[in-house]
Amino acid sequence: MTRIPVGGVEVDRCDGCGSLWFDALELDRVLATKGGAKAIDLKASGGTASPSPKTAHKCPVDHSDLIDMSDLRQAHIKSQCCTVCGGIQLDAGELTDLANFSLKERFAHLLNRMKD
């Protein structure tokens, strides 16, 4: 893992697969930083990343099991989260996708909220 500074925090990026680890609340800070996602996401910056292994992951902070989660506004984005420390892992490319909440996705999210 390499520590990458962005938005006043240091995010961990896997040298092999390009996945990103965000300690609690770091993801919000990076998303609030203009150009932050593009600066550190290997697939967005034209870097190379190998697919991450689809095996059970452990939290790099406290070694507890990670659980799979979907973003509430963009359900196609899957992350792995630690229920103990609140950390979040995103695969290469997912941070950029998360940062780009398209008009189509906004409309779909609004329709889903109106159904509730």
PDB file of N, CA and C in Angstrom:
ATOM      1  N   MET A   1       0.846  -1.183   0.000  1.00  0.00           N
ATOM      2  CA  MET A   1       0.000   0.000   0.000  1.00  0.00           C
ATOM      3  C   MET A   1       0.893   1.247   0.000  1.00  0.00           C
ATOM      4  N   THR A   2       0.479   2.201  -0.815  1.00  0.00           N
ATOM      5  CA  THR A   2       1.161   3.483  -0.896  1.00  0.00           C
ATOM      6  C   THR A   2       0.211   4.558  -0.385  1.00  0.00           C
ATOM      7  N   ARG A   3       0.729   5.454   0.436  1.00  0.00           N
ATOM      8  CA  ARG A   3      -0.100   6.549   0.969  1.00  0.00           C
ATOM      9  C   ARG A   3      -0.075   7.703  -0.024  1.00  0.00           C
ATOM     10  N   ILE A   4      -1.277   8.144  -0.449  1.00  0.00           N
ATOM     11  CA  ILE A   4      -1.428   9.201  -1.438  1.00  0.00           C
ATOM     12  C   ILE A   4      -2.120  10.390  -0.773  1.00  0.00           C
ATOM     13  N   PRO A   5      -1.468  11.563  -0.727  1.00  0.00           N
ATOM     14  CA  PRO A   5      -2.112  12.731  -0.115  1.00  0.00           C
ATOM     15  C   PRO A   5      -3.124  13.379  -1.060  1.00  0.00           C
ATOM     16  N   VAL A   6      -4.311  13.679  -0.536  1.00  0.00           N
ATOM     17  CA  VAL A   6      -5.354  14.381  -1.290  1.00  0.00           C
ATOM     18  C   VAL A   6      -6.367  14.959  -0.303  1.00  0.00           C
ATOM     19  N   GLY A   7      -6.763  16.186  -0.515  1.00  0.00           N
ATOM     20  CA  GLY A   7      -7.802  16.806   0.307  1.00  0.00           C
ATOM     21  C   GLY A   7      -7.489  16.889   1.782  1.00  0.00           C
ATOM     22  N   GLY A   8      -6.227  16.995   2.135  1.00  0.00           N
ATOM     23  CA  GLY A   8      -5.848  17.107   3.543  1.00  0.00           C
ATOM     24  C   GLY A   8      -5.778  15.776   4.281  1.00  0.00           C
ATOM     25  N   VAL A   9      -5.933  14.668   3.575  1.00  0.00           N
ATOM     26  CA  VAL A   9      -5.815  13.334   4.178  1.00  0.00           C
ATOM     27  C   VAL A   9      -4.854  12.506   3.343  1.00  0.00           C
ATOM     28  N   GLU A  10      -4.467  11.360   3.851  1.00  0.00           N
ATOM     29  CA  GLU A  10      -3.632  10.423   3.100  1.00  0.00           C
ATOM     30  C   GLU A  10      -4.408   9.131   2.928  1.00  0.00           C
ATOM     31  N   VAL A  11      -4.695   8.791   1.683  1.00  0.00           N
ATOM     32  CA  VAL A  11      -5.449   7.592   1.342  1.00  0.00           C
ATOM     33  C   VAL A  11      -4.460   6.490   0.976  1.00  0.00           C
ATOM     34  N   ASP A  12      -4.766   5.263   1.354  1.00  0.00           N
ATOM     35  CA  ASP A  12      -3.924   4.120   1.021  1.00  0.00           C
ATOM     36  C   ASP A  12      -4.381   3.525  -0.306  1.00  0.00           C
ATOM     37  N   ARG A  13      -3.421   3.275  -1.216  1.00  0.00           N
ATOM     38  CA  ARG A  13      -3.722   2.650  -2.499  1.00  0.00           C
ATOM     39  C   ARG A  13      -2.857   1.410  -2.656  1.00  0.00           C
ATOM     40  N   CYS A  14      -3.498   0.302  -3.051  1.00  0.00           N
ATOM     41  CA  CYS A  14      -2.787  -0.960  -3.270  1.00  0.00           C
ATOM     42  C   CYS A  14      -1.917  -0.840  -4.509  1.00  0.00           C
ATOM     43  N   ASP A  15      -0.642  -1.180  -4.374  1.00  0.00           N
ATOM     44  CA  ASP A  15       0.285  -1.113  -5.498  1.00  0.00           C
ATOM     45  C   ASP A  15      -0.036  -2.159  -6.565  1.00  0.00           C
ATOM     46  N   GLY A  16      -0.701  -3.245  -6.187  1.00  0.00           N
ATOM     47  CA  GLY A  16      -1.008  -4.308  -7.136  1.00  0.00           C
ATOM     48  C   GLY A  16      -2.284  -4.067  -7.926  1.00  0.00           C
ATOM     49  N   CYS A  17      -3.400  -3.868  -7.227  1.00  0.00           N
ATOM     50  CA  CYS A  17      -4.694  -3.791  -7.906  1.00  0.00           C
ATOM     51  C   CYS A  17      -5.238  -2.372  -8.029  1.00  0.00           C
ATOM     52  N   GLY A  18      -4.662  -1.423  -7.301  1.00  0.00           N
ATOM     53  CA  GLY A  18      -5.124  -0.036  -7.387  1.00  0.00           C
ATOM     54  C   GLY A  18      -6.321   0.280  -6.518  1.00  0.00           C
ATOM     55  N   SER A  19      -6.786  -0.679  -5.697  1.00  0.00           N
ATOM     56  CA  SER A  19      -7.913  -0.382  -4.822  1.00  0.00           C
ATOM     57  C   SER A  19      -7.495   0.665  -3.790  1.00  0.00           C
ATOM     58  N   LEU A  20      -8.478   1.391  -3.285  1.00  0.00           N
ATOM     59  CA  LEU A  20      -8.232   2.490  -2.352  1.00  0.00           C
ATOM     60  C   LEU A  20      -8.847   2.170  -1.004  1.00  0.00           C
ATOM     61  N   TRP A  21      -8.127   2.497   0.066  1.00  0.00           N
ATOM     62  CA  TRP A  21      -8.647   2.339   1.424  1.00  0.00           C
ATOM     63  C   TRP A  21      -8.800   3.718   2.032  1.00  0.00           C
ATOM     64  N   PHE A  22     -10.006   3.985   2.530  1.00  0.00           N
ATOM     65  CA  PHE A  22     -10.315   5.254   3.189  1.00  0.00           C
ATOM     66  C   PHE A  22     -10.611   4.976   4.646  1.00  0.00           C
ATOM     67  N   ASP A  23      -9.863   5.606   5.552  1.00  0.00           N
ATOM     68  CA  ASP A  23     -10.207   5.534   6.961  1.00  0.00           C
ATOM     69  C   ASP A  23     -11.520   6.293   7.145  1.00  0.00           C
ATOM     70  N   ALA A  24     -12.144   6.147   8.297  1.00  0.00           N
ATOM     71  CA  ALA A  24     -13.435   6.784   8.563  1.00  0.00           C
ATOM     72  C   ALA A  24     -13.396   8.267   8.192  1.00  0.00           C
ATOM     73  N   LEU A  25     -14.368   8.709   7.444  1.00  0.00           N
ATOM     74  CA  LEU A  25     -14.603  10.093   7.009  1.00  0.00           C
ATOM     75  C   LEU A  25     -13.643  10.610   5.934  1.00  0.00           C
ATOM     76  N   GLU A  26     -12.615   9.829   5.569  1.00  0.00           N
ATOM     77  CA  GLU A  26     -11.694  10.281   4.526  1.00  0.00           C
ATOM     78  C   GLU A  26     -12.372  10.334   3.157  1.00  0.00           C
ATOM     79  N   LEU A  27     -13.259   9.406   2.878  1.00  0.00           N
ATOM     80  CA  LEU A  27     -13.921   9.372   1.574  1.00  0.00           C
ATOM     81  C   LEU A  27     -14.687  10.672   1.332  1.00  0.00           C
ATOM     82  N   ASP A  28     -15.395  11.158   2.329  1.00  0.00           N
ATOM     83  CA  ASP A  28     -16.136  12.417   2.184  1.00  0.00           C
ATOM     84  C   ASP A  28     -15.201  13.583   1.890  1.00  0.00           C
ATOM     85  N   ARG A  29     -14.059  13.610   2.541  1.00  0.00           N
ATOM     86  CA  ARG A  29     -13.089  14.695   2.301  1.00  0.00           C
ATOM     87  C   ARG A  29     -12.538  14.649   0.889  1.00  0.00           C
ATOM     88  N   VAL A  30     -12.244  13.442   0.397  1.00  0.00           N
ATOM     89  CA  VAL A  30     -11.717  13.303  -0.962  1.00  0.00           C
ATOM     90  C   VAL A  30     -12.777  13.693  -1.989  1.00  0.00           C
ATOM     91  N   LEU A  31     -14.017  13.253  -1.780  1.00  0.00           N
ATOM     92  CA  LEU A  31     -15.091  13.601  -2.715  1.00  0.00           C
ATOM     93  C   LEU A  31     -15.376  15.100  -2.727  1.00  0.00           C
ATOM     94  N   ALA A  32     -15.125  15.769  -1.615  1.00  0.00           N
ATOM     95  CA  ALA A  32     -15.341  17.217  -1.532  1.00  0.00           C
ATOM     96  C   ALA A  32     -14.181  18.010  -2.138  1.00  0.00           C
ATOM     97  N   THR A  33     -13.077  17.347  -2.444  1.00  0.00           N
ATOM     98  CA  THR A  33     -11.901  17.996  -3.020  1.00  0.00           C
ATOM     99  C   THR A  33     -12.014  18.003  -4.537  1.00  0.00           C
ATOM    100  N   LYS A  34     -12.001  19.162  -5.136  1.00  0.00           N
ATOM    101  CA  LYS A  34     -12.101  19.265  -6.590  1.00  0.00           C
ATOM    102  C   LYS A  34     -10.944  18.507  -7.248  1.00  0.00           C
ATOM    103  N   GLY A  35     -11.271  17.558  -8.104  1.00  0.00           N
ATOM    104  CA  GLY A  35     -10.264  16.763  -8.797  1.00  0.00           C
ATOM    105  C   GLY A  35      -9.625  15.682  -7.945  1.00  0.00           C
ATOM    106  N   GLY A  36     -10.096  15.504  -6.722  1.00  0.00           N
ATOM    107  CA  GLY A  36      -9.492  14.536  -5.817  1.00  0.00           C
ATOM    108  C   GLY A  36      -9.586  13.108  -6.303  1.00  0.00           C
ATOM    109  N   ALA A  37     -10.758  12.722  -6.805  1.00  0.00           N
ATOM    110  CA  ALA A  37     -10.949  11.352  -7.285  1.00  0.00           C
ATOM    111  C   ALA A  37     -10.037  11.056  -8.462  1.00  0.00           C
ATOM    112  N   LYS A  38     -10.003  11.947  -9.408  1.00  0.00           N
ATOM    113  CA  LYS A  38      -9.183  11.744 -10.602  1.00  0.00           C
ATOM    114  C   LYS A  38      -7.697  11.693 -10.260  1.00  0.00           C
ATOM    115  N   ALA A  39      -7.299  12.435  -9.237  1.00  0.00           N
ATOM    116  CA  ALA A  39      -5.885  12.496  -8.864  1.00  0.00           C
ATOM    117  C   ALA A  39      -5.359  11.185  -8.284  1.00  0.00           C
ATOM    118  N   ILE A  40      -6.216  10.414  -7.610  1.00  0.00           N
ATOM    119  CA  ILE A  40      -5.709   9.222  -6.929  1.00  0.00           C
ATOM    120  C   ILE A  40      -6.245   7.909  -7.484  1.00  0.00           C
ATOM    121  N   ASP A  41      -7.299   7.944  -8.289  1.00  0.00           N
ATOM    122  CA  ASP A  41      -7.884   6.711  -8.832  1.00  0.00           C
ATOM    123  C   ASP A  41      -7.102   6.292 -10.074  1.00  0.00           C
ATOM    124  N   LEU A  42      -6.436   5.153 -10.022  1.00  0.00           N
ATOM    125  CA  LEU A  42      -5.564   4.730 -11.119  1.00  0.00           C
ATOM    126  C   LEU A  42      -6.277   4.631 -12.462  1.00  0.00           C
ATOM    127  N   LYS A  43      -7.474   4.083 -12.497  1.00  0.00           N
ATOM    128  CA  LYS A  43      -8.188   3.958 -13.768  1.00  0.00           C
ATOM    129  C   LYS A  43      -8.573   5.320 -14.317  1.00  0.00           C
ATOM    130  N   ALA A  44      -8.824   6.292 -13.449  1.00  0.00           N
ATOM    131  CA  ALA A  44      -9.194   7.636 -13.907  1.00  0.00           C
ATOM    132  C   ALA A  44      -7.987   8.408 -14.407  1.00  0.00           C
ATOM    133  N   SER A  45      -6.833   8.141 -13.822  1.00  0.00           N
ATOM    134  CA  SER A  45      -5.640   8.906 -14.178  1.00  0.00           C
ATOM    135  C   SER A  45      -4.834   8.261 -15.302  1.00  0.00           C
ATOM    136  N   GLY A  46      -5.363   7.188 -15.894  1.00  0.00           N
ATOM    137  CA  GLY A  46      -4.667   6.521 -16.986  1.00  0.00           C
ATOM    138  C   GLY A  46      -3.621   5.529 -16.522  1.00  0.00           C
ATOM    139  N   GLY A  47      -3.542   5.274 -15.221  1.00  0.00           N
ATOM    140  CA  GLY A  47      -2.592   4.302 -14.692  1.00  0.00           C
ATOM    141  C   GLY A  47      -3.079   2.890 -14.940  1.00  0.00           C
ATOM    142  N   THR A  48      -2.260   1.945 -14.584  1.00  0.00           N
ATOM    143  CA  THR A  48      -2.644   0.548 -14.773  1.00  0.00           C
ATOM    144  C   THR A  48      -2.978  -0.069 -13.432  1.00  0.00           C
ATOM    145  N   ALA A  49      -3.988  -0.896 -13.446  1.00  0.00           N
ATOM    146  CA  ALA A  49      -4.400  -1.588 -12.234  1.00  0.00           C
ATOM    147  C   ALA A  49      -4.825  -2.992 -12.605  1.00  0.00           C
ATOM    148  N   SER A  50      -4.430  -3.947 -11.788  1.00  0.00           N
ATOM    149  CA  SER A  50      -4.872  -5.324 -11.973  1.00  0.00           C
ATOM    150  C   SER A  50      -6.195  -5.488 -11.248  1.00  0.00           C
ATOM    151  N   PRO A  51      -7.045  -6.411 -11.701  1.00  0.00           N
ATOM    152  CA  PRO A  51      -8.292  -6.635 -10.971  1.00  0.00           C
ATOM    153  C   PRO A  51      -7.995  -7.061  -9.539  1.00  0.00           C
ATOM    154  N   SER A  52      -8.804  -6.565  -8.610  1.00  0.00           N
ATOM    155  CA  SER A  52      -8.593  -6.961  -7.224  1.00  0.00           C
ATOM    156  C   SER A  52      -9.115  -8.380  -7.028  1.00  0.00           C
ATOM    157  N   PRO A  53      -8.483  -9.131  -6.152  1.00  0.00           N
ATOM    158  CA  PRO A  53      -8.935 -10.499  -5.917  1.00  0.00           C
ATOM    159  C   PRO A  53     -10.332 -10.496  -5.303  1.00  0.00           C
ATOM    160  N   LYS A  54     -11.162 -11.452  -5.654  1.00  0.00           N
ATOM    161  CA  LYS A  54     -12.531 -11.523  -5.147  1.00  0.00           C
ATOM    162  C   LYS A  54     -12.622 -12.457  -3.949  1.00  0.00           C
ATOM    163  N   THR A  55     -11.608 -12.440  -3.116  1.00  0.00           N
ATOM    164  CA  THR A  55     -11.612 -13.249  -1.904  1.00  0.00           C
ATOM    165  C   THR A  55     -12.050 -12.380  -0.740  1.00  0.00           C
ATOM    166  N   ALA A  56     -12.323 -13.010   0.391  1.00  0.00           N
ATOM    167  CA  ALA A  56     -12.727 -12.263   1.572  1.00  0.00           C
ATOM    168  C   ALA A  56     -11.609 -11.322   1.986  1.00  0.00           C
ATOM    169  N   HIS A  57     -11.963 -10.069   2.199  1.00  0.00           N
ATOM    170  CA  HIS A  57     -10.986  -9.061   2.572  1.00  0.00           C
ATOM    171  C   HIS A  57     -11.035  -8.818   4.080  1.00  0.00           C
ATOM    172  N   LYS A  58      -9.915  -8.428   4.594  1.00  0.00           N
ATOM    173  CA  LYS A  58      -9.813  -8.043   6.000  1.00  0.00           C
ATOM    174  C   LYS A  58      -9.478  -6.565   6.076  1.00  0.00           C
ATOM    175  N   CYS A  59      -9.948  -5.922   7.109  1.00  0.00           N
ATOM    176  CA  CYS A  59      -9.661  -4.511   7.337  1.00  0.00           C
ATOM    177  C   CYS A  59      -8.168  -4.342   7.596  1.00  0.00           C
ATOM    178  N   PRO A  60      -7.521  -3.418   6.872  1.00  0.00           N
ATOM    179  CA  PRO A  60      -6.088  -3.210   7.110  1.00  0.00           C
ATOM    180  C   PRO A  60      -5.796  -2.518   8.442  1.00  0.00           C
ATOM    181  N   VAL A  61      -6.808  -1.956   9.069  1.00  0.00           N
ATOM    182  CA  VAL A  61      -6.619  -1.251  10.342  1.00  0.00           C
ATOM    183  C   VAL A  61      -6.753  -2.199  11.533  1.00  0.00           C
ATOM    184  N   ASP A  62      -7.876  -2.952  11.586  1.00  0.00           N
ATOM    185  CA  ASP A  62      -8.129  -3.798  12.754  1.00  0.00           C
ATOM    186  C   ASP A  62      -8.294  -5.284  12.427  1.00  0.00           C
ATOM    187  N   HIS A  63      -8.106  -5.647  11.153  1.00  0.00           N
ATOM    188  CA  HIS A  63      -8.132  -7.030  10.682  1.00  0.00           C
ATOM    189  C   HIS A  63      -9.476  -7.743  10.848  1.00  0.00           C
ATOM    190  N   SER A  64     -10.559  -6.979  11.033  1.00  0.00           N
ATOM    191  CA  SER A  64     -11.883  -7.597  11.078  1.00  0.00           C
ATOM    192  C   SER A  64     -12.370  -7.831   9.646  1.00  0.00           C
ATOM    193  N   ASP A  65     -13.404  -8.661   9.502  1.00  0.00           N
ATOM    194  CA  ASP A  65     -13.958  -8.938   8.180  1.00  0.00           C
ATOM    195  C   ASP A  65     -14.642  -7.691   7.629  1.00  0.00           C
ATOM    196  N   LEU A  66     -14.538  -7.519   6.309  1.00  0.00           N
ATOM    197  CA  LEU A  66     -15.225  -6.427   5.638  1.00  0.00           C
ATOM    198  C   LEU A  66     -16.556  -6.942   5.099  1.00  0.00           C
ATOM    199  N   ILE A  67     -17.556  -6.069   5.069  1.00  0.00           N
ATOM    200  CA  ILE A  67     -18.852  -6.441   4.517  1.00  0.00           C
ATOM    201  C   ILE A  67     -19.077  -5.675   3.218  1.00  0.00           C
ATOM    202  N   ASP A  68     -19.816  -6.291   2.298  1.00  0.00           N
ATOM    203  CA  ASP A  68     -20.132  -5.656   1.028  1.00  0.00           C
ATOM    204  C   ASP A  68     -21.282  -4.677   1.217  1.00  0.00           C
ATOM    205  N   MET A  69     -21.127  -3.498   0.626  1.00  0.00           N
ATOM    206  CA  MET A  69     -22.154  -2.453   0.702  1.00  0.00           C
ATOM    207  C   MET A  69     -22.357  -1.864  -0.689  1.00  0.00           C
ATOM    208  N   SER A  70     -23.538  -1.305  -0.923  1.00  0.00           N
ATOM    209  CA  SER A  70     -23.832  -0.578  -2.151  1.00  0.00           C
ATOM    210  C   SER A  70     -24.079   0.875  -1.790  1.00  0.00           C
ATOM    211  N   ASP A  71     -23.636   1.771  -2.662  1.00  0.00           N
ATOM    212  CA  ASP A  71     -23.886   3.189  -2.450  1.00  0.00           C
ATOM    213  C   ASP A  71     -25.385   3.448  -2.565  1.00  0.00           C
ATOM    214  N   LEU A  72     -25.946   4.287  -1.703  1.00  0.00           N
ATOM    215  CA  LEU A  72     -27.381   4.547  -1.716  1.00  0.00           C
ATOM    216  C   LEU A  72     -27.846   5.253  -2.987  1.00  0.00           C
ATOM    217  N   ARG A  73     -27.037   6.141  -3.523  1.00  0.00           N
ATOM    218  CA  ARG A  73     -27.437   6.894  -4.716  1.00  0.00           C
ATOM    219  C   ARG A  73     -27.028   6.199  -6.006  1.00  0.00           C
ATOM    220  N   GLN A  74     -26.005   5.377  -5.960  1.00  0.00           N
ATOM    221  CA  GLN A  74     -25.504   4.684  -7.152  1.00  0.00           C
ATOM    222  C   GLN A  74     -25.287   3.213  -6.796  1.00  0.00           C
ATOM    223  N   ALA A  75     -26.366   2.448  -6.863  1.00  0.00           N
ATOM    224  CA  ALA A  75     -26.354   1.067  -6.371  1.00  0.00           C
ATOM    225  C   ALA A  75     -25.365   0.166  -7.106  1.00  0.00           C
ATOM    226  N   HIS A  76     -24.924   0.550  -8.295  1.00  0.00           N
ATOM    227  CA  HIS A  76     -23.966  -0.277  -9.027  1.00  0.00           C
ATOM    228  C   HIS A  76     -22.556  -0.184  -8.449  1.00  0.00           C
ATOM    229  N   ILE A  77     -22.326   0.774  -7.566  1.00  0.00           N
ATOM    230  CA  ILE A  77     -21.007   0.916  -6.933  1.00  0.00           C
ATOM    231  C   ILE A  77     -20.994   0.102  -5.643  1.00  0.00           C
ATOM    232  N   LYS A  78     -20.134  -0.897  -5.623  1.00  0.00           N
ATOM    233  CA  LYS A  78     -20.015  -1.794  -4.476  1.00  0.00           C
ATOM    234  C   LYS A  78     -18.711  -1.491  -3.735  1.00  0.00           C
ATOM    235  N   SER A  79     -18.812  -1.349  -2.443  1.00  0.00           N
ATOM    236  CA  SER A  79     -17.628  -1.124  -1.620  1.00  0.00           C
ATOM    237  C   SER A  79     -17.583  -2.190  -0.541  1.00  0.00           C
ATOM    238  N   GLN A  80     -16.429  -2.301   0.092  1.00  0.00           N
ATOM    239  CA  GLN A  80     -16.265  -3.193   1.220  1.00  0.00           C
ATOM    240  C   GLN A  80     -16.011  -2.301   2.429  1.00  0.00           C
ATOM    241  N   CYS A  81     -16.778  -2.528   3.492  1.00  0.00           N
ATOM    242  CA  CYS A  81     -16.722  -1.635   4.648  1.00  0.00           C
ATOM    243  C   CYS A  81     -16.411  -2.401   5.926  1.00  0.00           C
ATOM    244  N   CYS A  82     -15.723  -1.717   6.818  1.00  0.00           N
ATOM    245  CA  CYS A  82     -15.404  -2.269   8.128  1.00  0.00           C
ATOM    246  C   CYS A  82     -16.441  -1.766   9.128  1.00  0.00           C
ATOM    247  N   THR A  83     -17.109  -2.700   9.811  1.00  0.00           N
ATOM    248  CA  THR A  83     -18.127  -2.311  10.791  1.00  0.00           C
ATOM    249  C   THR A  83     -17.512  -1.895  12.129  1.00  0.00           C
ATOM    250  N   VAL A  84     -16.213  -2.106  12.276  1.00  0.00           N
ATOM    251  CA  VAL A  84     -15.542  -1.750  13.525  1.00  0.00           C
ATOM    252  C   VAL A  84     -14.973  -0.328  13.460  1.00  0.00           C
ATOM    253  N   CYS A  85     -14.142  -0.041  12.445  1.00  0.00           N
ATOM    254  CA  CYS A  85     -13.469   1.268  12.379  1.00  0.00           C
ATOM    255  C   CYS A  85     -14.137   2.236  11.397  1.00  0.00           C
ATOM    256  N   GLY A  86     -15.065   1.749  10.555  1.00  0.00           N
ATOM    257  CA  GLY A  86     -15.747   2.628   9.601  1.00  0.00           C
ATOM    258  C   GLY A  86     -14.980   2.871   8.324  1.00  0.00           C
ATOM    259  N   GLY A  87     -13.910   2.124   8.085  1.00  0.00           N
ATOM    260  CA  GLY A  87     -13.135   2.286   6.859  1.00  0.00           C
ATOM    261  C   GLY A  87     -13.875   1.721   5.657  1.00  0.00           C
ATOM    262  N   ILE A  88     -13.485   2.197   4.457  1.00  0.00           N
ATOM    263  CA  ILE A  88     -14.134   1.788   3.212  1.00  0.00           C
ATOM    264  C   ILE A  88     -13.081   1.480   2.162  1.00  0.00           C
ATOM    265  N   GLN A  89     -13.264   0.362   1.447  1.00  0.00           N
ATOM    266  CA  GLN A  89     -12.388  -0.003   0.334  1.00  0.00           C
ATOM    267  C   GLN A  89     -13.174   0.107  -0.964  1.00  0.00           C
ATOM    268  N   LEU A  90     -12.582   0.783  -1.957  1.00  0.00           N
ATOM    269  CA  LEU A  90     -13.155   0.876  -3.297  1.00  0.00           C
ATOM    270  C   LEU A  90     -12.164   0.303  -4.288  1.00  0.00           C
ATOM    271  N   ASP A  91     -12.648  -0.454  -5.259  1.00  0.00           N
ATOM    272  CA  ASP A  91     -11.790  -0.970  -6.314  1.00  0.00           C
ATOM    273  C   ASP A  91     -11.384   0.174  -7.238  1.00  0.00           C
ATOM    274  N   ALA A  92     -10.320  -0.033  -7.996  1.00  0.00           N
ATOM    275  CA  ALA A  92      -9.852   0.978  -8.950  1.00  0.00           C
ATOM    276  C   ALA A  92     -11.003   1.347  -9.892  1.00  0.00           C
ATOM    277  N   GLY A  93     -11.221   2.624 -10.092  1.00  0.00           N
ATOM    278  CA  GLY A  93     -12.270   3.124 -10.964  1.00  0.00           C
ATOM    279  C   GLY A  93     -13.550   3.490 -10.245  1.00  0.00           C
ATOM    280  N   GLU A  94     -13.805   2.880  -9.092  1.00  0.00           N
ATOM    281  CA  GLU A  94     -15.063   3.139  -8.388  1.00  0.00           C
ATOM    282  C   GLU A  94     -15.111   4.522  -7.750  1.00  0.00           C
ATOM    283  N   LEU A  95     -13.985   5.053  -7.309  1.00  0.00           N
ATOM    284  CA  LEU A  95     -13.983   6.396  -6.726  1.00  0.00           C
ATOM    285  C   LEU A  95     -14.383   7.427  -7.772  1.00  0.00           C
ATOM    286  N   THR A  96     -13.847   7.301  -8.963  1.00  0.00           N
ATOM    287  CA  THR A  96     -14.194   8.237 -10.038  1.00  0.00           C
ATOM    288  C   THR A  96     -15.668   8.121 -10.384  1.00  0.00           C
ATOM    289  N   ASP A  97     -16.172   6.904 -10.452  1.00  0.00           N
ATOM    290  CA  ASP A  97     -17.587   6.688 -10.730  1.00  0.00           C
ATOM    291  C   ASP A  97     -18.438   7.309  -9.629  1.00  0.00           C
ATOM    292  N   LEU A  98     -18.052   7.126  -8.389  1.00  0.00           N
ATOM    293  CA  LEU A  98     -18.782   7.686  -7.259  1.00  0.00           C
ATOM    294  C   LEU A  98     -18.788   9.210  -7.298  1.00  0.00           C
ATOM    295  N   ALA A  99     -17.687   9.794  -7.716  1.00  0.00           N
ATOM    296  CA  ALA A  99     -17.570  11.251  -7.773  1.00  0.00           C
ATOM    297  C   ALA A  99     -18.392  11.848  -8.915  1.00  0.00           C
ATOM    298  N   ASN A 100     -18.701  11.053  -9.941  1.00  0.00           N
ATOM    299  CA  ASN A 100     -19.452  11.523 -11.103  1.00  0.00           C
ATOM    300  C   ASN A 100     -20.888  11.035 -11.022  1.00  0.00           C
ATOM    301  N   PHE A 101     -21.700  11.756 -10.302  1.00  0.00           N
ATOM    302  CA  PHE A 101     -23.113  11.429 -10.134  1.00  0.00           C
ATOM    303  C   PHE A 101     -23.849  12.039 -11.311  1.00  0.00           C
ATOM    304  N   SER A 102     -24.080  11.235 -12.355  1.00  0.00           N
ATOM    305  CA  SER A 102     -24.610  11.733 -13.626  1.00  0.00           C
ATOM    306  C   SER A 102     -26.063  12.181 -13.508  1.00  0.00           C
ATOM    307  N   LEU A 103     -26.512  12.934 -14.512  1.00  0.00           N
ATOM    308  CA  LEU A 103     -27.886  13.400 -14.553  1.00  0.00           C
ATOM    309  C   LEU A 103     -28.855  12.220 -14.553  1.00  0.00           C
ATOM    310  N   LYS A 104     -28.533  11.172 -15.304  1.00  0.00           N
ATOM    311  CA  LYS A 104     -29.373   9.978 -15.351  1.00  0.00           C
ATOM    312  C   LYS A 104     -29.469   9.338 -13.970  1.00  0.00           C
ATOM    313  N   GLU A 105     -28.339   9.248 -13.264  1.00  0.00           N
ATOM    314  CA  GLU A 105     -28.333   8.661 -11.926  1.00  0.00           C
ATOM    315  C   GLU A 105     -29.101   9.539 -10.941  1.00  0.00           C
ATOM    316  N   ARG A 106     -28.979  10.866 -11.076  1.00  0.00           N
ATOM    317  CA  ARG A 106     -29.736  11.785 -10.209  1.00  0.00           C
ATOM    318  C   ARG A 106     -31.238  11.589 -10.395  1.00  0.00           C
ATOM    319  N   PHE A 107     -31.668  11.466 -11.660  1.00  0.00           N
ATOM    320  CA  PHE A 107     -33.080  11.284 -11.964  1.00  0.00           C
ATOM    321  C   PHE A 107     -33.586   9.965 -11.384  1.00  0.00           C
ATOM    322  N   ALA A 108     -32.837   8.881 -11.570  1.00  0.00           N
ATOM    323  CA  ALA A 108     -33.227   7.580 -11.031  1.00  0.00           C
ATOM    324  C   ALA A 108     -33.305   7.618  -9.515  1.00  0.00           C
ATOM    325  N   HIS A 109     -32.358   8.291  -8.877  1.00  0.00           N
ATOM    326  CA  HIS A 109     -32.351   8.413  -7.420  1.00  0.00           C
ATOM    327  C   HIS A 109     -33.582   9.187  -6.952  1.00  0.00           C
ATOM    328  N   LEU A 110     -33.919  10.269  -7.638  1.00  0.00           N
ATOM    329  CA  LEU A 110     -35.079  11.074  -7.300  1.00  0.00           C
ATOM    330  C   LEU A 110     -36.363  10.253  -7.439  1.00  0.00           C
ATOM    331  N   LEU A 111     -36.492   9.482  -8.515  1.00  0.00           N
ATOM    332  CA  LEU A 111     -37.670   8.631  -8.702  1.00  0.00           C
ATOM    333  C   LEU A 111     -37.797   7.603  -7.589  1.00  0.00           C
ATOM    334  N   ASN A 112     -36.681   6.995  -7.199  1.00  0.00           N
ATOM    335  CA  ASN A 112     -36.708   6.015  -6.108  1.00  0.00           C
ATOM    336  C   ASN A 112     -37.124   6.645  -4.793  1.00  0.00           C
ATOM    337  N   ARG A 113     -36.695   7.871  -4.547  1.00  0.00           N
ATOM    338  CA  ARG A 113     -37.066   8.557  -3.310  1.00  0.00           C
ATOM    339  C   ARG A 113     -38.544   8.910  -3.306  1.00  0.00           C
ATOM    340  N   MET A 114     -39.087   9.226  -4.477  1.00  0.00           N
ATOM    341  CA  MET A 114     -40.500   9.573  -4.571  1.00  0.00           C
ATOM    342  C   MET A 114     -41.383   8.351  -4.326  1.00  0.00           C
ATOM    343  N   LYS A 115     -40.876   7.152  -4.644  1.00  0.00           N
ATOM    344  CA  LYS A 115     -41.627   5.919  -4.425  1.00  0.00           C
ATOM    345  C   LYS A 115     -41.765   5.614  -2.930  1.00  0.00           C
ATOM    346  N   ASP A 116     -40.762   6.019  -2.157  1.00  0.00           N
ATOM    347  CA  ASP A 116     -40.747   5.706  -0.711  1.00  0.00           C
ATOM    348  C   ASP A 116     -41.683   6.544   0.057  1.00  0.00           C
TER     349      ASP A 116
END
